[in-house]
Amino acid sequence: MKPKRTCEEELALAKKLSSPEGFLEEYQSRLYDYTRNIDAYYSVEDDFMRIFGRTRYSCYQSFHTIMRRIIKSRTK
């Protein structure tokens, strides 16, 4: 079971997940906790759903496309 977050932690997470870059950063930080990339993605997407009441991306492939664009733009 996940440890409960404080209100301050929930607000910080909501602020972070509200941008594509923040979503990607949270995903990357959770990669160490999961054996599969898709499981890390769904853990972040579950938090997004709980906070905002909807999913950020329609599927993992959609997220992966955006992730590649963000990473590519950082390397320019």
PDB file of N, CA and C in Angstrom:
ATOM      1  N   MET A   1       0.836  -1.194   0.000  1.00  0.00           N
ATOM      2  CA  MET A   1       0.000   0.000   0.000  1.00  0.00           C
ATOM      3  C   MET A   1       0.875   1.250   0.000  1.00  0.00           C
ATOM      4  N   LYS A   2       0.481   2.235  -0.792  1.00  0.00           N
ATOM      5  CA  LYS A   2       1.237   3.473  -0.897  1.00  0.00           C
ATOM      6  C   LYS A   2       1.101   4.293   0.388  1.00  0.00           C
ATOM      7  N   PRO A   3       2.184   4.953   0.802  1.00  0.00           N
ATOM      8  CA  PRO A   3       2.061   5.834   1.964  1.00  0.00           C
ATOM      9  C   PRO A   3       1.211   7.057   1.620  1.00  0.00           C
ATOM     10  N   LYS A   4       0.470   7.540   2.585  1.00  0.00           N
ATOM     11  CA  LYS A   4      -0.383   8.712   2.371  1.00  0.00           C
ATOM     12  C   LYS A   4       0.481   9.945   2.171  1.00  0.00           C
ATOM     13  N   ARG A   5       0.059  10.808   1.274  1.00  0.00           N
ATOM     14  CA  ARG A   5       0.749  12.075   1.048  1.00  0.00           C
ATOM     15  C   ARG A   5       0.045  13.171   1.834  1.00  0.00           C
ATOM     16  N   THR A   6       0.813  14.162   2.235  1.00  0.00           N
ATOM     17  CA  THR A   6       0.222  15.322   2.902  1.00  0.00           C
ATOM     18  C   THR A   6      -0.427  16.208   1.847  1.00  0.00           C
ATOM     19  N   CYS A   7      -1.217  17.159   2.279  1.00  0.00           N
ATOM     20  CA  CYS A   7      -1.853  18.109   1.349  1.00  0.00           C
ATOM     21  C   CYS A   7      -0.796  18.866   0.546  1.00  0.00           C
ATOM     22  N   GLU A   8       0.271  19.247   1.213  1.00  0.00           N
ATOM     23  CA  GLU A   8       1.341  19.979   0.530  1.00  0.00           C
ATOM     24  C   GLU A   8       1.989  19.121  -0.552  1.00  0.00           C
ATOM     25  N   GLU A   9       2.192  17.848  -0.247  1.00  0.00           N
ATOM     26  CA  GLU A   9       2.775  16.941  -1.235  1.00  0.00           C
ATOM     27  C   GLU A   9       1.822  16.715  -2.406  1.00  0.00           C
ATOM     28  N   GLU A  10       0.533  16.613  -2.113  1.00  0.00           N
ATOM     29  CA  GLU A  10      -0.472  16.449  -3.182  1.00  0.00           C
ATOM     30  C   GLU A  10      -0.505  17.672  -4.091  1.00  0.00           C
ATOM     31  N   LEU A  11      -0.443  18.865  -3.501  1.00  0.00           N
ATOM     32  CA  LEU A  11      -0.444  20.097  -4.302  1.00  0.00           C
ATOM     33  C   LEU A  11       0.808  20.197  -5.164  1.00  0.00           C
ATOM     34  N   ALA A  12       1.948  19.828  -4.589  1.00  0.00           N
ATOM     35  CA  ALA A  12       3.195  19.852  -5.360  1.00  0.00           C
ATOM     36  C   ALA A  12       3.132  18.855  -6.519  1.00  0.00           C
ATOM     37  N   LEU A  13       2.574  17.669  -6.258  1.00  0.00           N
ATOM     38  CA  LEU A  13       2.439  16.668  -7.309  1.00  0.00           C
ATOM     39  C   LEU A  13       1.469  17.148  -8.394  1.00  0.00           C
ATOM     40  N   ALA A  14       0.364  17.755  -7.991  1.00  0.00           N
ATOM     41  CA  ALA A  14      -0.604  18.273  -8.961  1.00  0.00           C
ATOM     42  C   ALA A  14       0.039  19.329  -9.851  1.00  0.00           C
ATOM     43  N   LYS A  15       0.807  20.211  -9.252  1.00  0.00           N
ATOM     44  CA  LYS A  15       1.485  21.251 -10.027  1.00  0.00           C
ATOM     45  C   LYS A  15       2.475  20.632 -11.003  1.00  0.00           C
ATOM     46  N   LYS A  16       3.205  19.631 -10.531  1.00  0.00           N
ATOM     47  CA  LYS A  16       4.200  18.963 -11.370  1.00  0.00           C
ATOM     48  C   LYS A  16       3.536  18.234 -12.535  1.00  0.00           C
ATOM     49  N   LEU A  17       2.475  17.494 -12.257  1.00  0.00           N
ATOM     50  CA  LEU A  17       1.820  16.690 -13.291  1.00  0.00           C
ATOM     51  C   LEU A  17       1.021  17.525 -14.292  1.00  0.00           C
ATOM     52  N   SER A  18       0.790  18.783 -13.979  1.00  0.00           N
ATOM     53  CA  SER A  18      -0.032  19.616 -14.867  1.00  0.00           C
ATOM     54  C   SER A  18       0.671  19.974 -16.169  1.00  0.00           C
ATOM     55  N   SER A  19       1.994  19.814 -16.228  1.00  0.00           N
ATOM     56  CA  SER A  19       2.710  20.091 -17.475  1.00  0.00           C
ATOM     57  C   SER A  19       3.272  18.791 -18.051  1.00  0.00           C
ATOM     58  N   PRO A  20       3.402  18.718 -19.362  1.00  0.00           N
ATOM     59  CA  PRO A  20       3.991  17.517 -19.965  1.00  0.00           C
ATOM     60  C   PRO A  20       5.413  17.247 -19.450  1.00  0.00           C
ATOM     61  N   GLU A  21       6.188  18.308 -19.243  1.00  0.00           N
ATOM     62  CA  GLU A  21       7.554  18.148 -18.751  1.00  0.00           C
ATOM     63  C   GLU A  21       7.567  17.585 -17.330  1.00  0.00           C
ATOM     64  N   GLY A  22       6.662  18.073 -16.489  1.00  0.00           N
ATOM     65  CA  GLY A  22       6.563  17.591 -15.120  1.00  0.00           C
ATOM     66  C   GLY A  22       6.100  16.144 -15.060  1.00  0.00           C
ATOM     67  N   PHE A  23       5.144  15.798 -15.933  1.00  0.00           N
ATOM     68  CA  PHE A  23       4.669  14.411 -16.016  1.00  0.00           C
ATOM     69  C   PHE A  23       5.830  13.492 -16.381  1.00  0.00           C
ATOM     70  N   LEU A  24       6.617  13.915 -17.379  1.00  0.00           N
ATOM     71  CA  LEU A  24       7.778  13.132 -17.807  1.00  0.00           C
ATOM     72  C   LEU A  24       8.800  13.006 -16.677  1.00  0.00           C
ATOM     73  N   GLU A  25       9.048  14.086 -15.963  1.00  0.00           N
ATOM     74  CA  GLU A  25      10.001  14.058 -14.849  1.00  0.00           C
ATOM     75  C   GLU A  25       9.552  13.082 -13.760  1.00  0.00           C
ATOM     76  N   GLU A  26       8.258  13.094 -13.443  1.00  0.00           N
ATOM     77  CA  GLU A  26       7.728  12.169 -12.432  1.00  0.00           C
ATOM     78  C   GLU A  26       7.829  10.730 -12.923  1.00  0.00           C
ATOM     79  N   TYR A  27       7.523  10.507 -14.188  1.00  0.00           N
ATOM     80  CA  TYR A  27       7.654   9.174 -14.793  1.00  0.00           C
ATOM     81  C   TYR A  27       9.092   8.681 -14.664  1.00  0.00           C
ATOM     82  N   GLN A  28      10.047   9.533 -15.018  1.00  0.00           N
ATOM     83  CA  GLN A  28      11.448   9.128 -14.965  1.00  0.00           C
ATOM     84  C   GLN A  28      11.888   8.822 -13.536  1.00  0.00           C
ATOM     85  N   SER A  29      11.379   9.545 -12.569  1.00  0.00           N
ATOM     86  CA  SER A  29      11.752   9.276 -11.180  1.00  0.00           C
ATOM     87  C   SER A  29      11.165   7.953 -10.684  1.00  0.00           C
ATOM     88  N   ARG A  30      10.060   7.522 -11.255  1.00  0.00           N
ATOM     89  CA  ARG A  30       9.426   6.267 -10.838  1.00  0.00           C
ATOM     90  C   ARG A  30       9.952   5.042 -11.579  1.00  0.00           C
ATOM     91  N   LEU A  31      10.743   5.238 -12.601  1.00  0.00           N
ATOM     92  CA  LEU A  31      11.279   4.104 -13.359  1.00  0.00           C
ATOM     93  C   LEU A  31      12.079   3.160 -12.482  1.00  0.00           C
ATOM     94  N   TYR A  32      12.728   3.682 -11.453  1.00  0.00           N
ATOM     95  CA  TYR A  32      13.551   2.843 -10.563  1.00  0.00           C
ATOM     96  C   TYR A  32      12.700   1.936  -9.686  1.00  0.00           C
ATOM     97  N   ASP A  33      11.435   2.282  -9.486  1.00  0.00           N
ATOM     98  CA  ASP A  33      10.555   1.505  -8.617  1.00  0.00           C
ATOM     99  C   ASP A  33       9.815   0.387  -9.346  1.00  0.00           C
ATOM    100  N   TYR A  34       9.891   0.367 -10.666  1.00  0.00           N
ATOM    101  CA  TYR A  34       9.124  -0.602 -11.460  1.00  0.00           C
ATOM    102  C   TYR A  34      10.045  -1.357 -12.402  1.00  0.00           C
ATOM    103  N   THR A  35       9.683  -2.591 -12.697  1.00  0.00           N
ATOM    104  CA  THR A  35      10.499  -3.397 -13.605  1.00  0.00           C
ATOM    105  C   THR A  35      10.175  -3.111 -15.071  1.00  0.00           C
ATOM    106  N   ARG A  36       8.973  -2.611 -15.333  1.00  0.00           N
ATOM    107  CA  ARG A  36       8.586  -2.287 -16.716  1.00  0.00           C
ATOM    108  C   ARG A  36       8.247  -0.804 -16.829  1.00  0.00           C
ATOM    109  N   ASN A  37       8.646  -0.186 -17.925  1.00  0.00           N
ATOM    110  CA  ASN A  37       8.386   1.235 -18.154  1.00  0.00           C
ATOM    111  C   ASN A  37       6.895   1.542 -18.143  1.00  0.00           C
ATOM    112  N   ILE A  38       6.111   0.651 -18.714  1.00  0.00           N
ATOM    113  CA  ILE A  38       4.671   0.891 -18.799  1.00  0.00           C
ATOM    114  C   ILE A  38       4.029   0.918 -17.405  1.00  0.00           C
ATOM    115  N   ASP A  39       4.570   0.147 -16.462  1.00  0.00           N
ATOM    116  CA  ASP A  39       4.045   0.167 -15.098  1.00  0.00           C
ATOM    117  C   ASP A  39       4.342   1.500 -14.414  1.00  0.00           C
ATOM    118  N   ALA A  40       5.526   2.050 -14.665  1.00  0.00           N
ATOM    119  CA  ALA A  40       5.858   3.377 -14.123  1.00  0.00           C
ATOM    120  C   ALA A  40       4.921   4.426 -14.718  1.00  0.00           C
ATOM    121  N   TYR A  41       4.663   4.322 -16.018  1.00  0.00           N
ATOM    122  CA  TYR A  41       3.728   5.256 -16.674  1.00  0.00           C
ATOM    123  C   TYR A  41       2.344   5.184 -16.024  1.00  0.00           C
ATOM    124  N   TYR A  42       1.831   3.972 -15.852  1.00  0.00           N
ATOM    125  CA  TYR A  42       0.487   3.844 -15.289  1.00  0.00           C
ATOM    126  C   TYR A  42       0.419   4.302 -13.833  1.00  0.00           C
ATOM    127  N   SER A  43       1.503   4.204 -13.098  1.00  0.00           N
ATOM    128  CA  SER A  43       1.476   4.710 -11.722  1.00  0.00           C
ATOM    129  C   SER A  43       1.330   6.223 -11.709  1.00  0.00           C
ATOM    130  N   VAL A  44       1.996   6.895 -12.644  1.00  0.00           N
ATOM    131  CA  VAL A  44       1.867   8.357 -12.740  1.00  0.00           C
ATOM    132  C   VAL A  44       0.477   8.709 -13.274  1.00  0.00           C
ATOM    133  N   GLU A  45       0.029   7.986 -14.269  1.00  0.00           N
ATOM    134  CA  GLU A  45      -1.301   8.240 -14.851  1.00  0.00           C
ATOM    135  C   GLU A  45      -2.403   8.015 -13.812  1.00  0.00           C
ATOM    136  N   ASP A  46      -2.249   7.021 -12.942  1.00  0.00           N
ATOM    137  CA  ASP A  46      -3.228   6.788 -11.870  1.00  0.00           C
ATOM    138  C   ASP A  46      -3.295   7.972 -10.912  1.00  0.00           C
ATOM    139  N   ASP A  47      -2.131   8.525 -10.563  1.00  0.00           N
ATOM    140  CA  ASP A  47      -2.124   9.715  -9.703  1.00  0.00           C
ATOM    141  C   ASP A  47      -2.777  10.902 -10.411  1.00  0.00           C
ATOM    142  N   PHE A  48      -2.494  11.055 -11.704  1.00  0.00           N
ATOM    143  CA  PHE A  48      -3.106  12.144 -12.468  1.00  0.00           C
ATOM    144  C   PHE A  48      -4.627  11.992 -12.477  1.00  0.00           C
ATOM    145  N   MET A  49      -5.098  10.774 -12.682  1.00  0.00           N
ATOM    146  CA  MET A  49      -6.538  10.497 -12.712  1.00  0.00           C
ATOM    147  C   MET A  49      -7.180  10.805 -11.355  1.00  0.00           C
ATOM    148  N   ARG A  50      -6.507  10.420 -10.296  1.00  0.00           N
ATOM    149  CA  ARG A  50      -7.037  10.657  -8.952  1.00  0.00           C
ATOM    150  C   ARG A  50      -7.121  12.155  -8.640  1.00  0.00           C
ATOM    151  N   ILE A  51      -6.126  12.916  -9.088  1.00  0.00           N
ATOM    152  CA  ILE A  51      -6.085  14.348  -8.795  1.00  0.00           C
ATOM    153  C   ILE A  51      -7.005  15.147  -9.717  1.00  0.00           C
ATOM    154  N   PHE A  52      -6.956  14.884 -11.020  1.00  0.00           N
ATOM    155  CA  PHE A  52      -7.657  15.704 -12.007  1.00  0.00           C
ATOM    156  C   PHE A  52      -8.950  15.083 -12.543  1.00  0.00           C
ATOM    157  N   GLY A  53      -9.197  13.804 -12.269  1.00  0.00           N
ATOM    158  CA  GLY A  53     -10.433  13.174 -12.705  1.00  0.00           C
ATOM    159  C   GLY A  53     -10.454  12.754 -14.166  1.00  0.00           C
ATOM    160  N   ARG A  54      -9.304  12.733 -14.803  1.00  0.00           N
ATOM    161  CA  ARG A  54      -9.185  12.294 -16.193  1.00  0.00           C
ATOM    162  C   ARG A  54      -7.755  11.849 -16.422  1.00  0.00           C
ATOM    163  N   THR A  55      -7.519  11.183 -17.552  1.00  0.00           N
ATOM    164  CA  THR A  55      -6.149  10.792 -17.876  1.00  0.00           C
ATOM    165  C   THR A  55      -5.475  11.916 -18.654  1.00  0.00           C
ATOM    166  N   ARG A  56      -4.172  11.989 -18.560  1.00  0.00           N
ATOM    167  CA  ARG A  56      -3.432  13.006 -19.307  1.00  0.00           C
ATOM    168  C   ARG A  56      -3.239  12.555 -20.753  1.00  0.00           C
ATOM    169  N   TYR A  57      -2.901  11.280 -20.932  1.00  0.00           N
ATOM    170  CA  TYR A  57      -2.662  10.719 -22.264  1.00  0.00           C
ATOM    171  C   TYR A  57      -3.632   9.574 -22.509  1.00  0.00           C
ATOM    172  N   SER A  58      -3.971   9.361 -23.752  1.00  0.00           N
ATOM    173  CA  SER A  58      -4.947   8.316 -24.078  1.00  0.00           C
ATOM    174  C   SER A  58      -4.372   6.912 -23.921  1.00  0.00           C
ATOM    175  N   CYS A  59      -3.044   6.784 -24.082  1.00  0.00           N
ATOM    176  CA  CYS A  59      -2.399   5.481 -23.947  1.00  0.00           C
ATOM    177  C   CYS A  59      -0.896   5.687 -23.777  1.00  0.00           C
ATOM    178  N   TYR A  60      -0.212   4.611 -23.479  1.00  0.00           N
ATOM    179  CA  TYR A  60       1.248   4.688 -23.297  1.00  0.00           C
ATOM    180  C   TYR A  60       1.940   5.148 -24.572  1.00  0.00           C
ATOM    181  N   GLN A  61       1.462   4.700 -25.718  1.00  0.00           N
ATOM    182  CA  GLN A  61       2.086   5.087 -26.995  1.00  0.00           C
ATOM    183  C   GLN A  61       1.994   6.595 -27.214  1.00  0.00           C
ATOM    184  N   SER A  62       0.874   7.186 -26.881  1.00  0.00           N
ATOM    185  CA  SER A  62       0.701   8.632 -26.993  1.00  0.00           C
ATOM    186  C   SER A  62       1.697   9.357 -26.085  1.00  0.00           C
ATOM    187  N   PHE A  63       1.814   8.885 -24.846  1.00  0.00           N
ATOM    188  CA  PHE A  63       2.789   9.460 -23.920  1.00  0.00           C
ATOM    189  C   PHE A  63       4.203   9.316 -24.470  1.00  0.00           C
ATOM    190  N   HIS A  64       4.526   8.149 -25.007  1.00  0.00           N
ATOM    191  CA  HIS A  64       5.859   7.882 -25.532  1.00  0.00           C
ATOM    192  C   HIS A  64       6.208   8.846 -26.664  1.00  0.00           C
ATOM    193  N   THR A  65       5.252   9.160 -27.519  1.00  0.00           N
ATOM    194  CA  THR A  65       5.467  10.110 -28.613  1.00  0.00           C
ATOM    195  C   THR A  65       5.811  11.491 -28.061  1.00  0.00           C
ATOM    196  N   ILE A  66       5.045  11.953 -27.075  1.00  0.00           N
ATOM    197  CA  ILE A  66       5.296  13.252 -26.453  1.00  0.00           C
ATOM    198  C   ILE A  66       6.638  13.234 -25.740  1.00  0.00           C
ATOM    199  N   MET A  67       6.942  12.146 -25.052  1.00  0.00           N
ATOM    200  CA  MET A  67       8.213  12.023 -24.342  1.00  0.00           C
ATOM    201  C   MET A  67       9.386  12.176 -25.307  1.00  0.00           C
ATOM    202  N   ARG A  68       9.312  11.533 -26.448  1.00  0.00           N
ATOM    203  CA  ARG A  68      10.389  11.645 -27.443  1.00  0.00           C
ATOM    204  C   ARG A  68      10.540  13.085 -27.929  1.00  0.00           C
ATOM    205  N   ARG A  69       9.425  13.790 -28.138  1.00  0.00           N
ATOM    206  CA  ARG A  69       9.480  15.188 -28.573  1.00  0.00           C
ATOM    207  C   ARG A  69      10.137  16.076 -27.513  1.00  0.00           C
ATOM    208  N   ILE A  70       9.785  15.865 -26.267  1.00  0.00           N
ATOM    209  CA  ILE A  70      10.351  16.663 -25.179  1.00  0.00           C
ATOM    210  C   ILE A  70      11.847  16.415 -25.074  1.00  0.00           C
ATOM    211  N   ILE A  71      12.244  15.162 -25.091  1.00  0.00           N
ATOM    212  CA  ILE A  71      13.656  14.824 -24.981  1.00  0.00           C
ATOM    213  C   ILE A  71      14.434  15.367 -26.180  1.00  0.00           C
ATOM    214  N   LYS A  72      13.857  15.262 -27.365  1.00  0.00           N
ATOM    215  CA  LYS A  72      14.509  15.787 -28.579  1.00  0.00           C
ATOM    216  C   LYS A  72      14.691  17.299 -28.489  1.00  0.00           C
ATOM    217  N   SER A  73      13.680  18.010 -27.968  1.00  0.00           N
ATOM    218  CA  SER A  73      13.784  19.471 -27.861  1.00  0.00           C
ATOM    219  C   SER A  73      14.828  19.890 -26.824  1.00  0.00           C
ATOM    220  N   ARG A  74      15.078  19.048 -25.821  1.00  0.00           N
ATOM    221  CA  ARG A  74      16.089  19.355 -24.798  1.00  0.00           C
ATOM    222  C   ARG A  74      17.508  19.207 -25.365  1.00  0.00           C
ATOM    223  N   THR A  75      17.672  18.383 -26.369  1.00  0.00           N
ATOM    224  CA  THR A  75      19.005  18.121 -26.899  1.00  0.00           C
ATOM    225  C   THR A  75      19.415  19.116 -27.973  1.00  0.00           C
ATOM    226  N   LYS A  76      18.536  20.000 -28.364  1.00  0.00           N
ATOM    227  CA  LYS A  76      18.877  20.998 -29.395  1.00  0.00           C
ATOM    228  C   LYS A  76      19.664  22.130 -28.816  1.00  0.00           C
TER     229      LYS A  76
END
